[in-house]
């Protein structure tokens, strides 16, 4: 088995055909995203499989969207002209 890196992805040549691994840059992005919001330890996040990490990223994104939608609905107490 040979490996090489192209564009942040690691390619493995196995049994005559390429097997493309998940891009390394994407893994770091997901780990950073989860760690930033949940403060979970690096090793715990890295030990998750790709599907679980993506699921947590989706859940964090949903929570952020919900919080942003809720904050848009609140009245702005500093808006004395009602232009909000």
PDB file of N, CA and C in Angstrom:
ATOM      1  N   UNK A   1       0.846  -1.164   0.000  1.00  0.00           N
ATOM      2  CA  UNK A   1       0.000   0.000   0.000  1.00  0.00           C
ATOM      3  C   UNK A   1       0.895   1.231   0.000  1.00  0.00           C
ATOM      4  N   UNK A   2       0.642   2.148  -0.927  1.00  0.00           N
ATOM      5  CA  UNK A   2       1.360   3.408  -0.985  1.00  0.00           C
ATOM      6  C   UNK A   2       0.396   4.519  -0.586  1.00  0.00           C
ATOM      7  N   UNK A   3       0.927   5.593  -0.035  1.00  0.00           N
ATOM      8  CA  UNK A   3       0.074   6.729   0.275  1.00  0.00           C
ATOM      9  C   UNK A   3       0.728   7.993  -0.239  1.00  0.00           C
ATOM     10  N   UNK A   4      -0.056   8.936  -0.571  1.00  0.00           N
ATOM     11  CA  UNK A   4       0.415  10.243  -0.974  1.00  0.00           C
ATOM     12  C   UNK A   4      -0.650  11.261  -0.608  1.00  0.00           C
ATOM     13  N   UNK A   5      -0.240  12.505  -0.472  1.00  0.00           N
ATOM     14  CA  UNK A   5      -1.165  13.556  -0.067  1.00  0.00           C
ATOM     15  C   UNK A   5      -1.393  14.476  -1.250  1.00  0.00           C
ATOM     16  N   UNK A   6      -2.638  14.728  -1.549  1.00  0.00           N
ATOM     17  CA  UNK A   6      -2.997  15.648  -2.624  1.00  0.00           C
ATOM     18  C   UNK A   6      -4.132  16.541  -2.129  1.00  0.00           C
ATOM     19  N   UNK A   7      -3.883  17.827  -2.069  1.00  0.00           N
ATOM     20  CA  UNK A   7      -4.919  18.789  -1.692  1.00  0.00           C
ATOM     21  C   UNK A   7      -5.496  18.546  -0.310  1.00  0.00           C
ATOM     22  N   UNK A   8      -4.691  18.103   0.624  1.00  0.00           N
ATOM     23  CA  UNK A   8      -5.170  17.885   1.978  1.00  0.00           C
ATOM     24  C   UNK A   8      -5.791  16.514   2.185  1.00  0.00           C
ATOM     25  N   UNK A   9      -5.978  15.747   1.136  1.00  0.00           N
ATOM     26  CA  UNK A   9      -6.535  14.400   1.268  1.00  0.00           C
ATOM     27  C   UNK A   9      -5.411  13.381   1.145  1.00  0.00           C
ATOM     28  N   UNK A  10      -5.540  12.320   1.842  1.00  0.00           N
ATOM     29  CA  UNK A  10      -4.553  11.249   1.752  1.00  0.00           C
ATOM     30  C   UNK A  10      -5.138  10.149   0.879  1.00  0.00           C
ATOM     31  N   UNK A  11      -4.369   9.773  -0.113  1.00  0.00           N
ATOM     32  CA  UNK A  11      -4.805   8.725  -1.024  1.00  0.00           C
ATOM     33  C   UNK A  11      -4.016   7.457  -0.739  1.00  0.00           C
ATOM     34  N   UNK A  12      -4.684   6.377  -0.688  1.00  0.00           N
ATOM     35  CA  UNK A  12      -4.036   5.090  -0.500  1.00  0.00           C
ATOM     36  C   UNK A  12      -4.276   4.255  -1.751  1.00  0.00           C
ATOM     37  N   UNK A  13      -3.239   3.669  -2.225  1.00  0.00           N
ATOM     38  CA  UNK A  13      -3.369   2.769  -3.360  1.00  0.00           C
ATOM     39  C   UNK A  13      -3.410   1.359  -2.791  1.00  0.00           C
ATOM     40  N   UNK A  14      -4.496   0.697  -3.029  1.00  0.00           N
ATOM     41  CA  UNK A  14      -4.664  -0.632  -2.446  1.00  0.00           C
ATOM     42  C   UNK A  14      -5.305  -1.544  -3.471  1.00  0.00           C
ATOM     43  N   UNK A  15      -4.740  -2.676  -3.652  1.00  0.00           N
ATOM     44  CA  UNK A  15      -5.268  -3.674  -4.581  1.00  0.00           C
ATOM     45  C   UNK A  15      -5.528  -3.075  -5.969  1.00  0.00           C
ATOM     46  N   UNK A  16      -4.655  -2.196  -6.382  1.00  0.00           N
ATOM     47  CA  UNK A  16      -4.743  -1.647  -7.726  1.00  0.00           C
ATOM     48  C   UNK A  16      -5.665  -0.459  -7.880  1.00  0.00           C
ATOM     49  N   UNK A  17      -6.472  -0.100  -6.891  1.00  0.00           N
ATOM     50  CA  UNK A  17      -7.391   1.031  -7.023  1.00  0.00           C
ATOM     51  C   UNK A  17      -7.193   2.024  -5.906  1.00  0.00           C
ATOM     52  N   UNK A  18      -7.472   3.283  -6.197  1.00  0.00           N
ATOM     53  CA  UNK A  18      -7.277   4.297  -5.156  1.00  0.00           C
ATOM     54  C   UNK A  18      -8.409   4.280  -4.136  1.00  0.00           C
ATOM     55  N   UNK A  19      -8.063   4.517  -2.909  1.00  0.00           N
ATOM     56  CA  UNK A  19      -9.011   4.681  -1.815  1.00  0.00           C
ATOM     57  C   UNK A  19      -8.760   6.067  -1.259  1.00  0.00           C
ATOM     58  N   UNK A  20      -9.751   6.911  -1.336  1.00  0.00           N
ATOM     59  CA  UNK A  20      -9.579   8.293  -0.904  1.00  0.00           C
ATOM     60  C   UNK A  20     -10.018   8.422   0.542  1.00  0.00           C
ATOM     61  N   UNK A  21      -9.132   8.944   1.372  1.00  0.00           N
ATOM     62  CA  UNK A  21      -9.439   9.168   2.772  1.00  0.00           C
ATOM     63  C   UNK A  21     -10.083  10.544   2.932  1.00  0.00           C
ATOM     64  N   UNK A  22     -10.658  10.778   4.082  1.00  0.00           N
ATOM     65  CA  UNK A  22     -11.284  12.060   4.370  1.00  0.00           C
ATOM     66  C   UNK A  22     -10.210  13.141   4.422  1.00  0.00           C
ATOM     67  N   UNK A  23     -10.463  14.324   3.856  1.00  0.00           N
ATOM     68  CA  UNK A  23      -9.431  15.375   3.815  1.00  0.00           C
ATOM     69  C   UNK A  23      -8.982  15.801   5.213  1.00  0.00           C
ATOM     70  N   UNK A  24      -7.699  15.880   5.397  1.00  0.00           N
ATOM     71  CA  UNK A  24      -7.128  16.232   6.692  1.00  0.00           C
ATOM     72  C   UNK A  24      -7.574  17.617   7.126  1.00  0.00           C
ATOM     73  N   UNK A  25      -7.592  18.565   6.203  1.00  0.00           N
ATOM     74  CA  UNK A  25      -8.022  19.922   6.553  1.00  0.00           C
ATOM     75  C   UNK A  25      -9.449  19.930   7.090  1.00  0.00           C
ATOM     76  N   UNK A  26     -10.282  19.104   6.519  1.00  0.00           N
ATOM     77  CA  UNK A  26     -11.685  19.025   6.948  1.00  0.00           C
ATOM     78  C   UNK A  26     -11.785  18.449   8.363  1.00  0.00           C
ATOM     79  N   UNK A  27     -10.953  17.472   8.666  1.00  0.00           N
ATOM     80  CA  UNK A  27     -10.960  16.896  10.014  1.00  0.00           C
ATOM     81  C   UNK A  27     -10.593  17.958  11.039  1.00  0.00           C
ATOM     82  N   UNK A  28      -9.537  18.727  10.747  1.00  0.00           N
ATOM     83  CA  UNK A  28      -9.140  19.786  11.681  1.00  0.00           C
ATOM     84  C   UNK A  28     -10.238  20.832  11.833  1.00  0.00           C
ATOM     85  N   UNK A  29     -10.917  21.135  10.751  1.00  0.00           N
ATOM     86  CA  UNK A  29     -12.007  22.108  10.804  1.00  0.00           C
ATOM     87  C   UNK A  29     -13.127  21.604  11.717  1.00  0.00           C
ATOM     88  N   UNK A  30     -13.495  20.359  11.565  1.00  0.00           N
ATOM     89  CA  UNK A  30     -14.557  19.796  12.403  1.00  0.00           C
ATOM     90  C   UNK A  30     -14.152  19.721  13.864  1.00  0.00           C
ATOM     91  N   UNK A  31     -12.926  19.288  14.111  1.00  0.00           N
ATOM     92  CA  UNK A  31     -12.448  19.176  15.493  1.00  0.00           C
ATOM     93  C   UNK A  31     -12.404  20.559  16.139  1.00  0.00           C
ATOM     94  N   UNK A  32     -11.897  21.545  15.406  1.00  0.00           N
ATOM     95  CA  UNK A  32     -11.841  22.907  15.935  1.00  0.00           C
ATOM     96  C   UNK A  32     -13.229  23.458  16.223  1.00  0.00           C
ATOM     97  N   UNK A  33     -14.174  23.158  15.351  1.00  0.00           N
ATOM     98  CA  UNK A  33     -15.553  23.635  15.506  1.00  0.00           C
ATOM     99  C   UNK A  33     -16.184  23.064  16.773  1.00  0.00           C
ATOM    100  N   UNK A  34     -16.061  21.762  16.959  1.00  0.00           N
ATOM    101  CA  UNK A  34     -16.660  21.117  18.132  1.00  0.00           C
ATOM    102  C   UNK A  34     -15.950  21.566  19.407  1.00  0.00           C
ATOM    103  N   UNK A  35     -14.636  21.624  19.372  1.00  0.00           N
ATOM    104  CA  UNK A  35     -13.880  22.027  20.561  1.00  0.00           C
ATOM    105  C   UNK A  35     -14.203  23.463  20.955  1.00  0.00           C
ATOM    106  N   UNK A  36     -14.384  24.319  19.966  1.00  0.00           N
ATOM    107  CA  UNK A  36     -14.682  25.728  20.247  1.00  0.00           C
ATOM    108  C   UNK A  36     -16.023  25.878  20.974  1.00  0.00           C
ATOM    109  N   UNK A  37     -17.026  25.124  20.524  1.00  0.00           N
ATOM    110  CA  UNK A  37     -18.357  25.280  21.099  1.00  0.00           C
ATOM    111  C   UNK A  37     -18.595  24.423  22.334  1.00  0.00           C
ATOM    112  N   UNK A  38     -18.078  23.218  22.347  1.00  0.00           N
ATOM    113  CA  UNK A  38     -18.381  22.308  23.455  1.00  0.00           C
ATOM    114  C   UNK A  38     -17.228  22.137  24.441  1.00  0.00           C
ATOM    115  N   UNK A  39     -16.058  22.587  24.073  1.00  0.00           N
ATOM    116  CA  UNK A  39     -14.880  22.491  24.950  1.00  0.00           C
ATOM    117  C   UNK A  39     -14.556  21.044  25.318  1.00  0.00           C
ATOM    118  N   UNK A  40     -14.847  20.139  24.414  1.00  0.00           N
ATOM    119  CA  UNK A  40     -14.512  18.741  24.644  1.00  0.00           C
ATOM    120  C   UNK A  40     -13.031  18.544  24.356  1.00  0.00           C
ATOM    121  N   UNK A  41     -12.403  17.606  25.045  1.00  0.00           N
ATOM    122  CA  UNK A  41     -10.973  17.365  24.827  1.00  0.00           C
ATOM    123  C   UNK A  41     -10.675  16.899  23.398  1.00  0.00           C
ATOM    124  N   UNK A  42      -9.509  17.297  22.932  1.00  0.00           N
ATOM    125  CA  UNK A  42      -9.052  16.976  21.584  1.00  0.00           C
ATOM    126  C   UNK A  42      -9.123  15.479  21.292  1.00  0.00           C
ATOM    127  N   UNK A  43      -8.600  14.679  22.209  1.00  0.00           N
ATOM    128  CA  UNK A  43      -8.565  13.233  21.975  1.00  0.00           C
ATOM    129  C   UNK A  43      -9.969  12.629  21.863  1.00  0.00           C
ATOM    130  N   UNK A  44     -10.908  13.134  22.659  1.00  0.00           N
ATOM    131  CA  UNK A  44     -12.285  12.626  22.585  1.00  0.00           C
ATOM    132  C   UNK A  44     -12.887  12.899  21.208  1.00  0.00           C
ATOM    133  N   UNK A  45     -12.634  14.095  20.697  1.00  0.00           N
ATOM    134  CA  UNK A  45     -13.197  14.450  19.394  1.00  0.00           C
ATOM    135  C   UNK A  45     -12.505  13.665  18.283  1.00  0.00           C
ATOM    136  N   UNK A  46     -11.185  13.540  18.377  1.00  0.00           N
ATOM    137  CA  UNK A  46     -10.439  12.814  17.347  1.00  0.00           C
ATOM    138  C   UNK A  46     -10.796  11.330  17.313  1.00  0.00           C
ATOM    139  N   UNK A  47     -11.222  10.791  18.441  1.00  0.00           N
ATOM    140  CA  UNK A  47     -11.576   9.373  18.494  1.00  0.00           C
ATOM    141  C   UNK A  47     -12.962   9.082  17.927  1.00  0.00           C
ATOM    142  N   UNK A  48     -13.726  10.130  17.626  1.00  0.00           N
ATOM    143  CA  UNK A  48     -15.038   9.913  17.005  1.00  0.00           C
ATOM    144  C   UNK A  48     -14.831   9.512  15.552  1.00  0.00           C
ATOM    145  N   UNK A  49     -15.756   8.724  15.035  1.00  0.00           N
ATOM    146  CA  UNK A  49     -15.663   8.458  13.606  1.00  0.00           C
ATOM    147  C   UNK A  49     -16.233   9.660  12.851  1.00  0.00           C
ATOM    148  N   UNK A  50     -15.963   9.688  11.570  1.00  0.00           N
ATOM    149  CA  UNK A  50     -16.352  10.839  10.761  1.00  0.00           C
ATOM    150  C   UNK A  50     -17.839  11.160  10.882  1.00  0.00           C
ATOM    151  N   UNK A  51     -18.665  10.135  10.815  1.00  0.00           N
ATOM    152  CA  UNK A  51     -20.115  10.340  10.854  1.00  0.00           C
ATOM    153  C   UNK A  51     -20.558  11.015  12.159  1.00  0.00           C
ATOM    154  N   UNK A  52     -19.994  10.574  13.280  1.00  0.00           N
ATOM    155  CA  UNK A  52     -20.372  11.162  14.563  1.00  0.00           C
ATOM    156  C   UNK A  52     -19.896  12.613  14.663  1.00  0.00           C
ATOM    157  N   UNK A  53     -18.669  12.863  14.194  1.00  0.00           N
ATOM    158  CA  UNK A  53     -18.151  14.238  14.228  1.00  0.00           C
ATOM    159  C   UNK A  53     -19.017  15.160  13.380  1.00  0.00           C
ATOM    160  N   UNK A  54     -19.406  14.709  12.189  1.00  0.00           N
ATOM    161  CA  UNK A  54     -20.271  15.507  11.314  1.00  0.00           C
ATOM    162  C   UNK A  54     -21.627  15.751  11.975  1.00  0.00           C
ATOM    163  N   UNK A  55     -22.125  14.755  12.664  1.00  0.00           N
ATOM    164  CA  UNK A  55     -23.415  14.891  13.342  1.00  0.00           C
ATOM    165  C   UNK A  55     -23.355  15.976  14.403  1.00  0.00           C
ATOM    166  N   UNK A  56     -22.275  15.989  15.190  1.00  0.00           N
ATOM    167  CA  UNK A  56     -22.146  17.027  16.215  1.00  0.00           C
ATOM    168  C   UNK A  56     -21.979  18.406  15.593  1.00  0.00           C
ATOM    169  N   UNK A  57     -21.270  18.487  14.488  1.00  0.00           N
ATOM    170  CA  UNK A  57     -21.143  19.770  13.790  1.00  0.00           C
ATOM    171  C   UNK A  57     -22.515  20.251  13.319  1.00  0.00           C
ATOM    172  N   UNK A  58     -23.322  19.343  12.802  1.00  0.00           N
ATOM    173  CA  UNK A  58     -24.672  19.707  12.368  1.00  0.00           C
ATOM    174  C   UNK A  58     -25.521  20.181  13.548  1.00  0.00           C
ATOM    175  N   UNK A  59     -25.408  19.475  14.669  1.00  0.00           N
ATOM    176  CA  UNK A  59     -26.192  19.866  15.849  1.00  0.00           C
ATOM    177  C   UNK A  59     -25.776  21.247  16.356  1.00  0.00           C
ATOM    178  N   UNK A  60     -24.491  21.521  16.400  1.00  0.00           N
ATOM    179  CA  UNK A  60     -24.014  22.840  16.831  1.00  0.00           C
ATOM    180  C   UNK A  60     -24.528  23.907  15.877  1.00  0.00           C
ATOM    181  N   UNK A  61     -24.490  23.623  14.584  1.00  0.00           N
ATOM    182  CA  UNK A  61     -24.982  24.595  13.600  1.00  0.00           C
ATOM    183  C   UNK A  61     -26.471  24.859  13.782  1.00  0.00           C
ATOM    184  N   UNK A  62     -27.238  23.816  14.068  1.00  0.00           N
ATOM    185  CA  UNK A  62     -28.676  23.999  14.307  1.00  0.00           C
ATOM    186  C   UNK A  62     -28.914  24.892  15.516  1.00  0.00           C
ATOM    187  N   UNK A  63     -28.147  24.639  16.596  1.00  0.00           N
ATOM    188  CA  UNK A  63     -28.305  25.453  17.800  1.00  0.00           C
ATOM    189  C   UNK A  63     -27.971  26.914  17.505  1.00  0.00           C
ATOM    190  N   UNK A  64     -26.910  27.139  16.740  1.00  0.00           N
ATOM    191  CA  UNK A  64     -26.528  28.516  16.403  1.00  0.00           C
ATOM    192  C   UNK A  64     -27.594  29.203  15.566  1.00  0.00           C
ATOM    193  N   UNK A  65     -28.149  28.472  14.598  1.00  0.00           N
ATOM    194  CA  UNK A  65     -29.212  29.064  13.773  1.00  0.00           C
ATOM    195  C   UNK A  65     -30.426  29.431  14.629  1.00  0.00           C
ATOM    196  N   UNK A  66     -30.787  28.545  15.539  1.00  0.00           N
ATOM    197  CA  UNK A  66     -31.930  28.792  16.419  1.00  0.00           C
ATOM    198  C   UNK A  66     -31.672  30.004  17.306  1.00  0.00           C
ATOM    199  N   UNK A  67     -30.483  30.096  17.879  1.00  0.00           N
ATOM    200  CA  UNK A  67     -30.152  31.244  18.721  1.00  0.00           C
ATOM    201  C   UNK A  67     -30.186  32.540  17.918  1.00  0.00           C
ATOM    202  N   UNK A  68     -29.672  32.499  16.693  1.00  0.00           N
ATOM    203  CA  UNK A  68     -29.676  33.700  15.859  1.00  0.00           C
ATOM    204  C   UNK A  68     -31.096  34.109  15.473  1.00  0.00           C
ATOM    205  N   UNK A  69     -31.930  33.123  15.169  1.00  0.00           N
ATOM    206  CA  UNK A  69     -33.330  33.434  14.838  1.00  0.00           C
ATOM    207  C   UNK A  69     -34.030  34.051  16.038  1.00  0.00           C
ATOM    208  N   UNK A  70     -33.795  33.492  17.230  1.00  0.00           N
ATOM    209  CA  UNK A  70     -34.421  34.021  18.440  1.00  0.00           C
ATOM    210  C   UNK A  70     -33.940  35.432  18.737  1.00  0.00           C
ATOM    211  N   UNK A  71     -32.657  35.701  18.520  1.00  0.00           N
ATOM    212  CA  UNK A  71     -32.139  37.038  18.818  1.00  0.00           C
ATOM    213  C   UNK A  71     -32.685  38.068  17.838  1.00  0.00           C
ATOM    214  N   UNK A  72     -33.031  37.646  16.609  1.00  0.00           N
ATOM    215  CA  UNK A  72     -33.617  38.575  15.638  1.00  0.00           C
ATOM    216  C   UNK A  72     -35.023  38.995  16.052  1.00  0.00           C
ATOM    217  N   UNK A  73     -35.712  38.157  16.790  1.00  0.00           N
ATOM    218  CA  UNK A  73     -37.098  38.438  17.179  1.00  0.00           C
ATOM    219  C   UNK A  73     -37.206  39.352  18.390  1.00  0.00           C
ATOM    220  N   UNK A  74     -36.131  39.407  19.196  1.00  0.00           N
ATOM    221  CA  UNK A  74     -36.188  40.226  20.405  1.00  0.00           C
ATOM    222  C   UNK A  74     -36.184  41.702  20.042  1.00  0.00           C
ATOM    223  N   UNK A  75     -36.894  42.440  20.844  1.00  0.00           N
ATOM    224  CA  UNK A  75     -36.854  43.880  20.678  1.00  0.00           C
ATOM    225  C   UNK A  75     -35.510  44.397  21.136  1.00  0.00           C
ATOM    226  N   UNK A  76     -35.042  45.383  20.433  1.00  0.00           N
ATOM    227  CA  UNK A  76     -33.769  45.992  20.780  1.00  0.00           C
ATOM    228  C   UNK A  76     -34.044  47.152  21.734  1.00  0.00           C
ATOM    229  N   UNK A  77     -33.646  47.044  22.999  1.00  0.00           N
ATOM    230  CA  UNK A  77     -33.942  48.109  23.961  1.00  0.00           C
ATOM    231  C   UNK A  77     -33.183  49.406  23.664  1.00  0.00           C
ATOM    232  N   UNK A  78     -32.173  49.342  22.825  1.00  0.00           N
ATOM    233  CA  UNK A  78     -31.377  50.529  22.524  1.00  0.00           C
ATOM    234  C   UNK A  78     -31.857  51.238  21.259  1.00  0.00           C
ATOM    235  N   UNK A  79     -32.849  50.674  20.617  1.00  0.00           N
ATOM    236  CA  UNK A  79     -33.364  51.269  19.396  1.00  0.00           C
ATOM    237  C   UNK A  79     -34.508  52.230  19.758  1.00  0.00           C
ATOM    238  N   UNK A  80     -34.164  53.470  20.024  1.00  0.00           N
ATOM    239  CA  UNK A  80     -35.164  54.432  20.479  1.00  0.00           C
ATOM    240  C   UNK A  80     -36.013  54.966  19.327  1.00  0.00           C
ATOM    241  N   UNK A  81     -35.603  54.713  18.080  1.00  0.00           N
ATOM    242  CA  UNK A  81     -36.351  55.215  16.939  1.00  0.00           C
ATOM    243  C   UNK A  81     -37.213  54.135  16.292  1.00  0.00           C
ATOM    244  N   UNK A  82     -37.163  52.924  16.813  1.00  0.00           N
ATOM    245  CA  UNK A  82     -37.992  51.855  16.275  1.00  0.00           C
ATOM    246  C   UNK A  82     -37.618  51.427  14.871  1.00  0.00           C
ATOM    247  N   UNK A  83     -36.375  51.592  14.496  1.00  0.00           N
ATOM    248  CA  UNK A  83     -35.941  51.225  13.146  1.00  0.00           C
ATOM    249  C   UNK A  83     -35.383  49.822  13.064  1.00  0.00           C
ATOM    250  N   UNK A  84     -35.323  49.193  14.072  1.00  0.00           N
ATOM    251  CA  UNK A  84     -34.697  47.873  14.125  1.00  0.00           C
ATOM    252  C   UNK A  84     -34.891  47.114  12.912  1.00  0.00           C
TER     253      UNK A  84
END
